[in-house]
PDB file of N, CA and C in Angstrom:
ATOM      1  N   MET A   1       1.030  -1.181   0.085  1.00  0.00           N
ATOM      2  CA  MET A   1       0.206  -0.017   0.128  1.00  0.00           C
ATOM      3  C   MET A   1       0.638   1.420  -0.123  1.00  0.00           C
ATOM      4  N   TRP A   2       1.946   1.144   0.977  1.00  0.00           N
ATOM      5  CA  TRP A   2       2.556   2.462   1.084  1.00  0.00           C
ATOM      6  C   TRP A   2       3.525   2.767  -0.449  1.00  0.00           C
ATOM      7  N   ILE A   3       3.895   1.679  -1.105  1.00  0.00           N
ATOM      8  CA  ILE A   3       4.430   1.856  -2.365  1.00  0.00           C
ATOM      9  C   ILE A   3       3.823   2.770  -3.384  1.00  0.00           C
ATOM     10  N   ARG A   4       2.495   2.275  -3.326  1.00  0.00           N
ATOM     11  CA  ARG A   4       1.490   2.547  -4.191  1.00  0.00           C
ATOM     12  C   ARG A   4       1.302   4.148  -3.796  1.00  0.00           C
ATOM     13  N   LEU A   5       1.290   4.306  -2.585  1.00  0.00           N
ATOM     14  CA  LEU A   5       0.955   5.636  -2.127  1.00  0.00           C
ATOM     15  C   LEU A   5       2.270   6.608  -2.635  1.00  0.00           C
ATOM     16  N   VAL A   6       3.304   6.352  -2.698  1.00  0.00           N
ATOM     17  CA  VAL A   6       4.633   6.923  -3.011  1.00  0.00           C
ATOM     18  C   VAL A   6       4.592   7.153  -4.402  1.00  0.00           C
ATOM     19  N   ARG A   7       3.990   6.066  -4.973  1.00  0.00           N
ATOM     20  CA  ARG A   7       4.126   6.044  -6.499  1.00  0.00           C
ATOM     21  C   ARG A   7       3.123   7.113  -6.940  1.00  0.00           C
ATOM     22  N   VAL A   8       1.743   7.387  -6.368  1.00  0.00           N
ATOM     23  CA  VAL A   8       0.828   8.268  -6.386  1.00  0.00           C
ATOM     24  C   VAL A   8       1.349   9.647  -6.053  1.00  0.00           C
ATOM     25  N   ARG A   9       2.014   9.953  -5.221  1.00  0.00           N
ATOM     26  CA  ARG A   9       2.399  11.101  -5.006  1.00  0.00           C
ATOM     27  C   ARG A   9       3.489  11.745  -5.808  1.00  0.00           C
ATOM     28  N   ARG A  10       3.997  10.911  -6.640  1.00  0.00           N
ATOM     29  CA  ARG A  10       5.296  11.463  -7.258  1.00  0.00           C
ATOM     30  C   ARG A  10       4.401  12.699  -8.458  1.00  0.00           C
ATOM     31  N   PRO A  11       3.266  12.654  -8.778  1.00  0.00           N
ATOM     32  CA  PRO A  11       2.700  13.770  -9.894  1.00  0.00           C
ATOM     33  C   PRO A  11       2.919  15.114  -9.027  1.00  0.00           C
ATOM     34  N   GLY A  12       2.370  14.889  -7.565  1.00  0.00           N
ATOM     35  CA  GLY A  12       2.645  16.400  -6.764  1.00  0.00           C
ATOM     36  C   GLY A  12       3.807  16.909  -6.687  1.00  0.00           C
ATOM     37  N   GLY A  13       4.943  15.824  -6.560  1.00  0.00           N
ATOM     38  CA  GLY A  13       6.230  16.415  -6.707  1.00  0.00           C
ATOM     39  C   GLY A  13       6.891  17.047  -8.175  1.00  0.00           C
ATOM     40  N   ARG A  14       6.229  16.379  -9.018  1.00  0.00           N
ATOM     41  CA  ARG A  14       6.574  16.858 -10.189  1.00  0.00           C
ATOM     42  C   ARG A  14       5.872  18.176 -10.267  1.00  0.00           C
ATOM     43  N   ALA A  15       4.625  18.541 -10.101  1.00  0.00           N
ATOM     44  CA  ALA A  15       4.116  19.853  -9.961  1.00  0.00           C
ATOM     45  C   ALA A  15       4.565  20.659  -9.054  1.00  0.00           C
ATOM     46  N   LEU A  16       5.315  20.303  -7.910  1.00  0.00           N
ATOM     47  CA  LEU A  16       6.156  21.090  -7.041  1.00  0.00           C
ATOM     48  C   LEU A  16       7.374  21.709  -7.993  1.00  0.00           C
ATOM     49  N   SER A  17       8.021  20.624  -8.458  1.00  0.00           N
ATOM     50  CA  SER A  17       9.393  21.084  -9.203  1.00  0.00           C
ATOM     51  C   SER A  17       8.922  22.198 -10.351  1.00  0.00           C
ATOM     52  N   ALA A  18       7.814  22.052 -10.724  1.00  0.00           N
ATOM     53  CA  ALA A  18       7.540  22.592 -11.877  1.00  0.00           C
ATOM     54  C   ALA A  18       6.961  24.096 -11.591  1.00  0.00           C
ATOM     55  N   ALA A  19       6.684  24.405 -10.404  1.00  0.00           N
ATOM     56  CA  ALA A  19       6.105  25.820  -9.969  1.00  0.00           C
ATOM     57  C   ALA A  19       7.224  26.606  -9.712  1.00  0.00           C
ATOM     58  N   PRO A  20       6.629  28.156 -10.050  1.00  0.00           N
ATOM     59  CA  PRO A  20       7.713  29.025 -10.098  1.00  0.00           C
ATOM     60  C   PRO A  20       7.949  28.893  -8.356  1.00  0.00           C
ATOM     61  N   ALA A  21       9.131  29.828  -8.087  1.00  0.00           N
ATOM     62  CA  ALA A  21       9.933  29.541  -6.816  1.00  0.00           C
ATOM     63  C   ALA A  21       8.882  30.427  -5.870  1.00  0.00           C
ATOM     64  N   ARG A  22       8.097  31.444  -5.715  1.00  0.00           N
ATOM     65  CA  ARG A  22       7.185  32.008  -5.210  1.00  0.00           C
ATOM     66  C   ARG A  22       6.202  31.372  -4.809  1.00  0.00           C
ATOM     67  N   GLU A  23       5.691  30.211  -5.620  1.00  0.00           N
ATOM     68  CA  GLU A  23       4.630  29.433  -5.614  1.00  0.00           C
ATOM     69  C   GLU A  23       4.777  28.136  -4.930  1.00  0.00           C
ATOM     70  N   ARG A  24       5.995  27.596  -4.918  1.00  0.00           N
ATOM     71  CA  ARG A  24       6.350  26.218  -4.210  1.00  0.00           C
ATOM     72  C   ARG A  24       5.918  26.228  -2.839  1.00  0.00           C
ATOM     73  N   ARG A  25       5.818  27.080  -2.427  1.00  0.00           N
ATOM     74  CA  ARG A  25       5.838  26.929  -0.678  1.00  0.00           C
ATOM     75  C   ARG A  25       4.168  26.271  -0.760  1.00  0.00           C
ATOM     76  N   ALA A  26       2.930  26.859  -1.168  1.00  0.00           N
ATOM     77  CA  ALA A  26       1.807  26.622  -1.106  1.00  0.00           C
ATOM     78  C   ALA A  26       1.753  25.154  -1.502  1.00  0.00           C
ATOM     79  N   PRO A  27       1.922  24.553  -2.532  1.00  0.00           N
ATOM     80  CA  PRO A  27       1.857  23.309  -3.217  1.00  0.00           C
ATOM     81  C   PRO A  27       2.740  22.234  -2.045  1.00  0.00           C
ATOM     82  N   SER A  28       3.751  22.715  -1.245  1.00  0.00           N
ATOM     83  CA  SER A  28       4.257  21.747  -0.743  1.00  0.00           C
ATOM     84  C   SER A  28       4.162  21.537   0.550  1.00  0.00           C
ATOM     85  N   ALA A  29       2.926  22.255   0.984  1.00  0.00           N
ATOM     86  CA  ALA A  29       2.117  21.816   2.016  1.00  0.00           C
ATOM     87  C   ALA A  29       1.397  20.887   1.784  1.00  0.00           C
ATOM     88  N   GLY A  30       0.492  20.966   0.926  1.00  0.00           N
ATOM     89  CA  GLY A  30      -0.387  20.210   0.249  1.00  0.00           C
ATOM     90  C   GLY A  30      -0.231  18.650   0.624  1.00  0.00           C
ATOM     91  N   PRO A  31       0.681  17.943   0.045  1.00  0.00           N
ATOM     92  CA  PRO A  31       0.951  16.269   0.417  1.00  0.00           C
ATOM     93  C   PRO A  31       1.385  16.119   1.836  1.00  0.00           C
ATOM     94  N   ALA A  32       1.926  16.888   2.796  1.00  0.00           N
ATOM     95  CA  ALA A  32       2.183  16.707   4.115  1.00  0.00           C
ATOM     96  C   ALA A  32       0.492  16.807   4.978  1.00  0.00           C
ATOM     97  N   VAL A  33      -0.097  17.825   4.569  1.00  0.00           N
ATOM     98  CA  VAL A  33      -1.369  18.189   5.250  1.00  0.00           C
ATOM     99  C   VAL A  33      -2.278  17.048   5.027  1.00  0.00           C
ATOM    100  N   ASP A  34      -1.889  16.164   3.524  1.00  0.00           N
ATOM    101  CA  ASP A  34      -3.007  15.294   3.066  1.00  0.00           C
ATOM    102  C   ASP A  34      -2.412  14.067   3.789  1.00  0.00           C
ATOM    103  N   LEU A  35      -1.149  13.902   4.255  1.00  0.00           N
ATOM    104  CA  LEU A  35      -0.719  12.410   4.547  1.00  0.00           C
ATOM    105  C   LEU A  35      -1.018  12.516   6.066  1.00  0.00           C
ATOM    106  N   ALA A  36      -1.417  13.675   6.609  1.00  0.00           N
ATOM    107  CA  ALA A  36      -1.752  13.369   8.387  1.00  0.00           C
ATOM    108  C   ALA A  36      -3.072  12.697   8.387  1.00  0.00           C
ATOM    109  N   PRO A  37      -3.823  12.927   7.867  1.00  0.00           N
ATOM    110  CA  PRO A  37      -5.098  12.272   8.001  1.00  0.00           C
ATOM    111  C   PRO A  37      -4.973  10.823   7.714  1.00  0.00           C
ATOM    112  N   ASN A  38      -4.281  10.669   6.721  1.00  0.00           N
ATOM    113  CA  ASN A  38      -4.237   9.193   6.139  1.00  0.00           C
ATOM    114  C   ASN A  38      -3.406   8.380   7.299  1.00  0.00           C
ATOM    115  N   THR A  39      -2.419   8.987   8.028  1.00  0.00           N
ATOM    116  CA  THR A  39      -1.565   8.207   8.762  1.00  0.00           C
ATOM    117  C   THR A  39      -2.565   8.044  10.205  1.00  0.00           C
ATOM    118  N   ALA A  40      -3.463   9.136  10.531  1.00  0.00           N
ATOM    119  CA  ALA A  40      -4.207   9.124  11.558  1.00  0.00           C
ATOM    120  C   ALA A  40      -5.662   8.201  11.634  1.00  0.00           C
ATOM    121  N   TRP A  41      -5.734   7.857  10.385  1.00  0.00           N
ATOM    122  CA  TRP A  41      -6.841   6.979  10.131  1.00  0.00           C
ATOM    123  C   TRP A  41      -6.781   5.715  11.012  1.00  0.00           C
ATOM    124  N   ASN A  42      -5.440   5.117  11.124  1.00  0.00           N
ATOM    125  CA  ASN A  42      -5.260   3.994  11.900  1.00  0.00           C
ATOM    126  C   ASN A  42      -5.528   4.171  13.472  1.00  0.00           C
ATOM    127  N   ARG A  43      -5.196   5.246  13.572  1.00  0.00           N
ATOM    128  CA  ARG A  43      -5.529   5.751  15.389  1.00  0.00           C
ATOM    129  C   ARG A  43      -6.970   5.822  15.554  1.00  0.00           C
ATOM    130  N   LEU A  44      -7.689   6.725  14.774  1.00  0.00           N
ATOM    131  CA  LEU A  44      -9.079   6.755  14.840  1.00  0.00           C
ATOM    132  C   LEU A  44      -9.957   5.486  14.618  1.00  0.00           C
ATOM    133  N   PHE A  45      -9.706   4.768  13.852  1.00  0.00           N
ATOM    134  CA  PHE A  45     -10.412   3.905  13.485  1.00  0.00           C
ATOM    135  C   PHE A  45      -9.966   2.456  14.190  1.00  0.00           C
ATOM    136  N   LEU A  46      -8.917   2.034  13.976  1.00  0.00           N
ATOM    137  CA  LEU A  46      -8.624   0.844  14.989  1.00  0.00           C
ATOM    138  C   LEU A  46      -8.167   1.368  16.453  1.00  0.00           C
ATOM    139  N   GLY A  47      -7.415   2.247  16.824  1.00  0.00           N
ATOM    140  CA  GLY A  47      -6.694   2.723  17.841  1.00  0.00           C
ATOM    141  C   GLY A  47      -8.019   2.918  18.860  1.00  0.00           C
ATOM    142  N   ARG A  48      -8.807   3.823  18.421  1.00  0.00           N
ATOM    143  CA  ARG A  48      -9.950   4.060  19.390  1.00  0.00           C
ATOM    144  C   ARG A  48     -11.034   3.097  19.187  1.00  0.00           C
ATOM    145  N   ARG A  49     -10.873   2.216  18.441  1.00  0.00           N
ATOM    146  CA  ARG A  49     -12.147   1.208  18.067  1.00  0.00           C
ATOM    147  C   ARG A  49     -13.099   1.940  17.696  1.00  0.00           C
ATOM    148  N   SER A  50     -13.296   3.017  16.877  1.00  0.00           N
ATOM    149  CA  SER A  50     -14.252   3.886  16.426  1.00  0.00           C
ATOM    150  C   SER A  50     -14.771   3.856  15.137  1.00  0.00           C
ATOM    151  N   PRO A  51     -15.328   3.439  14.420  1.00  0.00           N
ATOM    152  CA  PRO A  51     -15.775   3.483  13.191  1.00  0.00           C
ATOM    153  C   PRO A  51     -16.353   5.064  12.568  1.00  0.00           C
ATOM    154  N   ARG A  52     -16.954   5.616  13.567  1.00  0.00           N
ATOM    155  CA  ARG A  52     -17.519   6.682  13.236  1.00  0.00           C
ATOM    156  C   ARG A  52     -16.412   7.693  13.180  1.00  0.00           C
ATOM    157  N   ALA A  53     -15.438   7.752  14.142  1.00  0.00           N
ATOM    158  CA  ALA A  53     -13.919   8.382  14.081  1.00  0.00           C
ATOM    159  C   ALA A  53     -13.165   7.994  12.765  1.00  0.00           C
ATOM    160  N   GLY A  54     -13.226   6.781  12.121  1.00  0.00           N
ATOM    161  CA  GLY A  54     -12.686   6.661  11.162  1.00  0.00           C
ATOM    162  C   GLY A  54     -13.184   7.305   9.791  1.00  0.00           C
ATOM    163  N   VAL A  55     -14.599   7.022   9.965  1.00  0.00           N
ATOM    164  CA  VAL A  55     -15.275   8.002   8.875  1.00  0.00           C
ATOM    165  C   VAL A  55     -14.894   9.464   8.775  1.00  0.00           C
ATOM    166  N   ALA A  56     -14.926  10.142   9.847  1.00  0.00           N
ATOM    167  CA  ALA A  56     -14.445  11.640  10.048  1.00  0.00           C
ATOM    168  C   ALA A  56     -13.039  11.760   9.411  1.00  0.00           C
ATOM    169  N   GLY A  57     -12.326  10.537   9.754  1.00  0.00           N
ATOM    170  CA  GLY A  57     -10.804  10.928   9.237  1.00  0.00           C
ATOM    171  C   GLY A  57     -10.656  10.613   7.899  1.00  0.00           C
ATOM    172  N   THR A  58     -11.485   9.795   7.289  1.00  0.00           N
ATOM    173  CA  THR A  58     -11.441   9.471   5.807  1.00  0.00           C
ATOM    174  C   THR A  58     -12.216  10.700   4.996  1.00  0.00           C
ATOM    175  N   TRP A  59     -13.203  11.408   5.696  1.00  0.00           N
ATOM    176  CA  TRP A  59     -13.750  12.468   5.016  1.00  0.00           C
ATOM    177  C   TRP A  59     -12.617  13.637   4.890  1.00  0.00           C
ATOM    178  N   LEU A  60     -11.861  13.684   6.198  1.00  0.00           N
ATOM    179  CA  LEU A  60     -10.908  14.692   5.850  1.00  0.00           C
ATOM    180  C   LEU A  60      -9.659  14.514   4.714  1.00  0.00           C
ATOM    181  N   LEU A  61      -9.543  13.343   4.833  1.00  0.00           N
ATOM    182  CA  LEU A  61      -8.639  12.802   3.646  1.00  0.00           C
ATOM    183  C   LEU A  61      -9.200  13.267   2.269  1.00  0.00           C
ATOM    184  N   ASP A  62     -10.319  13.110   2.237  1.00  0.00           N
ATOM    185  CA  ASP A  62     -11.058  13.283   0.932  1.00  0.00           C
ATOM    186  C   ASP A  62     -10.972  14.728   0.633  1.00  0.00           C
ATOM    187  N   ALA A  63     -11.366  15.467   1.567  1.00  0.00           N
ATOM    188  CA  ALA A  63     -11.245  17.031   1.534  1.00  0.00           C
ATOM    189  C   ALA A  63      -9.685  17.379   0.898  1.00  0.00           C
ATOM    190  N   GLY A  64      -8.855  16.781   1.850  1.00  0.00           N
ATOM    191  CA  GLY A  64      -7.334  17.219   1.477  1.00  0.00           C
ATOM    192  C   GLY A  64      -7.115  16.737   0.276  1.00  0.00           C
ATOM    193  N   ASN A  65      -7.464  15.534  -0.437  1.00  0.00           N
ATOM    194  CA  ASN A  65      -7.037  15.018  -1.642  1.00  0.00           C
ATOM    195  C   ASN A  65      -7.652  16.122  -2.925  1.00  0.00           C
ATOM    196  N   ALA A  66      -8.603  16.551  -2.529  1.00  0.00           N
ATOM    197  CA  ALA A  66      -9.537  17.310  -3.322  1.00  0.00           C
ATOM    198  C   ALA A  66      -8.982  18.679  -3.449  1.00  0.00           C
ATOM    199  N   GLU A  67      -8.139  19.132  -2.437  1.00  0.00           N
ATOM    200  CA  GLU A  67      -7.451  20.529  -2.414  1.00  0.00           C
ATOM    201  C   GLU A  67      -6.088  20.201  -2.941  1.00  0.00           C
ATOM    202  N   LEU A  68      -5.441  19.019  -3.148  1.00  0.00           N
ATOM    203  CA  LEU A  68      -4.149  18.674  -3.579  1.00  0.00           C
ATOM    204  C   LEU A  68      -4.222  18.608  -4.807  1.00  0.00           C
ATOM    205  N   ILE A  69      -5.356  17.780  -5.367  1.00  0.00           N
ATOM    206  CA  ILE A  69      -5.533  17.817  -6.851  1.00  0.00           C
ATOM    207  C   ILE A  69      -5.787  19.432  -7.378  1.00  0.00           C
ATOM    208  N   ARG A  70      -6.489  20.002  -6.836  1.00  0.00           N
ATOM    209  CA  ARG A  70      -6.899  21.568  -7.125  1.00  0.00           C
ATOM    210  C   ARG A  70      -5.273  22.229  -7.484  1.00  0.00           C
ATOM    211  N   ARG A  71      -4.701  22.159  -6.224  1.00  0.00           N
ATOM    212  CA  ARG A  71      -3.629  22.955  -6.184  1.00  0.00           C
ATOM    213  C   ARG A  71      -2.313  22.272  -7.370  1.00  0.00           C
ATOM    214  N   THR A  72      -2.323  21.238  -7.529  1.00  0.00           N
ATOM    215  CA  THR A  72      -1.555  20.530  -8.393  1.00  0.00           C
ATOM    216  C   THR A  72      -1.882  21.306  -9.808  1.00  0.00           C
ATOM    217  N   ALA A  73      -3.217  21.152 -10.246  1.00  0.00           N
ATOM    218  CA  ALA A  73      -3.971  21.433 -11.478  1.00  0.00           C
ATOM    219  C   ALA A  73      -3.418  22.750 -11.849  1.00  0.00           C
ATOM    220  N   ARG A  74      -3.364  23.613 -10.887  1.00  0.00           N
ATOM    221  CA  ARG A  74      -3.063  24.903 -11.076  1.00  0.00           C
ATOM    222  C   ARG A  74      -1.814  25.306 -11.399  1.00  0.00           C
ATOM    223  N   THR A  75      -0.718  24.207 -10.849  1.00  0.00           N
ATOM    224  CA  THR A  75       0.674  24.506 -11.160  1.00  0.00           C
ATOM    225  C   THR A  75       1.078  23.710 -12.036  1.00  0.00           C
ATOM    226  N   ASP A  76       0.583  22.271 -12.360  1.00  0.00           N
ATOM    227  CA  ASP A  76       1.043  21.447 -13.383  1.00  0.00           C
ATOM    228  C   ASP A  76      -0.117  20.824 -13.747  1.00  0.00           C
ATOM    229  N   GLY A  77      -1.092  21.005 -14.911  1.00  0.00           N
ATOM    230  CA  GLY A  77      -2.311  20.248 -15.176  1.00  0.00           C
ATOM    231  C   GLY A  77      -2.194  19.215 -15.719  1.00  0.00           C
ATOM    232  N   ALA A  78      -0.795  18.733 -16.259  1.00  0.00           N
ATOM    233  CA  ALA A  78      -0.390  17.528 -16.607  1.00  0.00           C
ATOM    234  C   ALA A  78      -0.210  16.463 -15.538  1.00  0.00           C
ATOM    235  N   ALA A  79       0.132  16.764 -14.245  1.00  0.00           N
ATOM    236  CA  ALA A  79       0.368  16.095 -13.183  1.00  0.00           C
ATOM    237  C   ALA A  79      -0.770  15.800 -12.359  1.00  0.00           C
ATOM    238  N   ALA A  80      -1.752  16.808 -12.383  1.00  0.00           N
ATOM    239  CA  ALA A  80      -3.064  16.479 -11.468  1.00  0.00           C
ATOM    240  C   ALA A  80      -4.039  15.075 -12.035  1.00  0.00           C
ATOM    241  N   PRO A  81      -4.052  14.590 -12.821  1.00  0.00           N
ATOM    242  CA  PRO A  81      -4.845  13.455 -13.001  1.00  0.00           C
ATOM    243  C   PRO A  81      -4.204  12.430 -12.376  1.00  0.00           C
ATOM    244  N   GLY A  82      -2.673  12.406 -12.316  1.00  0.00           N
ATOM    245  CA  GLY A  82      -2.038  11.234 -11.925  1.00  0.00           C
ATOM    246  C   GLY A  82      -2.417  10.961 -10.201  1.00  0.00           C
ATOM    247  N   LEU A  83      -3.100  12.129  -9.801  1.00  0.00           N
ATOM    248  CA  LEU A  83      -3.511  11.896  -8.308  1.00  0.00           C
ATOM    249  C   LEU A  83      -4.813  11.640  -8.023  1.00  0.00           C
ATOM    250  N   VAL A  84      -5.621  11.205  -9.264  1.00  0.00           N
ATOM    251  CA  VAL A  84      -7.198  11.057  -9.267  1.00  0.00           C
ATOM    252  C   VAL A  84      -7.276   9.505  -8.719  1.00  0.00           C
ATOM    253  N   PRO A  85      -6.458   8.829  -9.308  1.00  0.00           N
ATOM    254  CA  PRO A  85      -6.738   7.221  -8.772  1.00  0.00           C
ATOM    255  C   PRO A  85      -6.385   7.107  -7.202  1.00  0.00           C
ATOM    256  N   TYR A  86      -5.396   8.045  -6.565  1.00  0.00           N
ATOM    257  CA  TYR A  86      -5.486   7.942  -5.114  1.00  0.00           C
ATOM    258  C   TYR A  86      -6.386   8.541  -4.282  1.00  0.00           C
ATOM    259  N   ALA A  87      -7.191   9.601  -4.786  1.00  0.00           N
ATOM    260  CA  ALA A  87      -8.512  10.225  -4.796  1.00  0.00           C
ATOM    261  C   ALA A  87      -9.637   9.117  -4.673  1.00  0.00           C
ATOM    262  N   LEU A  88      -9.543   8.270  -5.629  1.00  0.00           N
ATOM    263  CA  LEU A  88     -10.899   7.322  -5.961  1.00  0.00           C
ATOM    264  C   LEU A  88     -10.739   6.439  -4.981  1.00  0.00           C
ATOM    265  N   ARG A  89      -9.506   6.100  -4.732  1.00  0.00           N
ATOM    266  CA  ARG A  89      -9.130   4.812  -3.671  1.00  0.00           C
ATOM    267  C   ARG A  89      -9.524   5.362  -2.313  1.00  0.00           C
ATOM    268  N   CYS A  90      -9.264   6.626  -1.982  1.00  0.00           N
ATOM    269  CA  CYS A  90      -9.682   7.062  -0.686  1.00  0.00           C
ATOM    270  C   CYS A  90     -11.134   7.253  -0.630  1.00  0.00           C
ATOM    271  N   GLY A  91     -11.958   7.617  -1.761  1.00  0.00           N
ATOM    272  CA  GLY A  91     -13.204   7.751  -1.840  1.00  0.00           C
ATOM    273  C   GLY A  91     -13.768   6.551  -1.516  1.00  0.00           C
ATOM    274  N   PHE A  92     -13.199   5.259  -2.073  1.00  0.00           N
ATOM    275  CA  PHE A  92     -13.923   3.934  -1.945  1.00  0.00           C
ATOM    276  C   PHE A  92     -13.601   3.590  -0.182  1.00  0.00           C
ATOM    277  N   ALA A  93     -12.781   3.874   0.004  1.00  0.00           N
ATOM    278  CA  ALA A  93     -12.377   3.662   1.579  1.00  0.00           C
ATOM    279  C   ALA A  93     -13.289   4.425   2.518  1.00  0.00           C
ATOM    280  N   THR A  94     -13.664   5.456   2.357  1.00  0.00           N
ATOM    281  CA  THR A  94     -14.950   6.387   3.084  1.00  0.00           C
ATOM    282  C   THR A  94     -16.053   5.565   2.746  1.00  0.00           C
ATOM    283  N   ALA A  95     -16.260   5.229   1.647  1.00  0.00           N
ATOM    284  CA  ALA A  95     -17.610   4.346   1.433  1.00  0.00           C
ATOM    285  C   ALA A  95     -17.782   2.997   2.476  1.00  0.00           C
ATOM    286  N   LEU A  96     -16.396   2.453   2.370  1.00  0.00           N
ATOM    287  CA  LEU A  96     -16.371   1.198   3.042  1.00  0.00           C
ATOM    288  C   LEU A  96     -16.830   1.713   4.682  1.00  0.00           C
ATOM    289  N   ASN A  97     -15.712   2.673   4.950  1.00  0.00           N
ATOM    290  CA  ASN A  97     -16.032   3.049   6.519  1.00  0.00           C
ATOM    291  C   ASN A  97     -17.221   3.448   6.921  1.00  0.00           C
ATOM    292  N   THR A  98     -18.039   3.877   6.195  1.00  0.00           N
ATOM    293  CA  THR A  98     -19.406   4.613   6.331  1.00  0.00           C
ATOM    294  C   THR A  98     -20.283   3.572   6.595  1.00  0.00           C
ATOM    295  N   SER A  99     -19.899   2.407   5.769  1.00  0.00           N
ATOM    296  CA  SER A  99     -21.017   1.112   5.730  1.00  0.00           C
ATOM    297  C   SER A  99     -20.478   0.533   6.845  1.00  0.00           C
ATOM    298  N   ILE A 100     -19.313   0.112   7.374  1.00  0.00           N
ATOM    299  CA  ILE A 100     -18.979  -0.197   8.617  1.00  0.00           C
ATOM    300  C   ILE A 100     -19.623   0.569   9.824  1.00  0.00           C
ATOM    301  N   ALA A 101     -19.320   1.863   9.878  1.00  0.00           N
ATOM    302  CA  ALA A 101     -19.987   2.753  11.043  1.00  0.00           C
ATOM    303  C   ALA A 101     -21.536   2.565  11.091  1.00  0.00           C
ATOM    304  N   ARG A 102     -22.350   2.360   9.951  1.00  0.00           N
ATOM    305  CA  ARG A 102     -23.768   2.259   9.924  1.00  0.00           C
ATOM    306  C   ARG A 102     -24.170   0.922  10.500  1.00  0.00           C
ATOM    307  N   ARG A 103     -23.319  -0.290  10.017  1.00  0.00           N
ATOM    308  CA  ARG A 103     -23.465  -1.666  10.701  1.00  0.00           C
ATOM    309  C   ARG A 103     -23.308  -1.624  12.477  1.00  0.00           C
ATOM    310  N   ASN A 104     -22.293  -0.844  12.749  1.00  0.00           N
ATOM    311  CA  ASN A 104     -21.970  -0.885  14.445  1.00  0.00           C
ATOM    312  C   ASN A 104     -22.587   0.377  15.069  1.00  0.00           C
ATOM    313  N   ARG A 105     -23.601   0.705  14.892  1.00  0.00           N
ATOM    314  CA  ARG A 105     -24.529   1.515  15.499  1.00  0.00           C
ATOM    315  C   ARG A 105     -24.774   1.020  16.642  1.00  0.00           C
TER     316      ARG A 105
END
């Protein structure tokens, strides 16, 4: 899974490299902000044993993915589509987490 995550993140790095120096700071924050909910999901869902907290974490991740794709598209339109598969995978994870949370009420 982490190898795929790194492979999908490559377009974000490409966009960061293509950005003018004055714009590099904003796109560089995107991947770091996006990875925080990704790593926190384990603690929310498994550590707290809370499917509802896990859903909240995946919603944050989905919002971060959308923002990262938006910023990447603004800097390097050719790199942005490379982030879409990861965003779709996270959306699927949100659907699965939501289903689990509903069943565990």
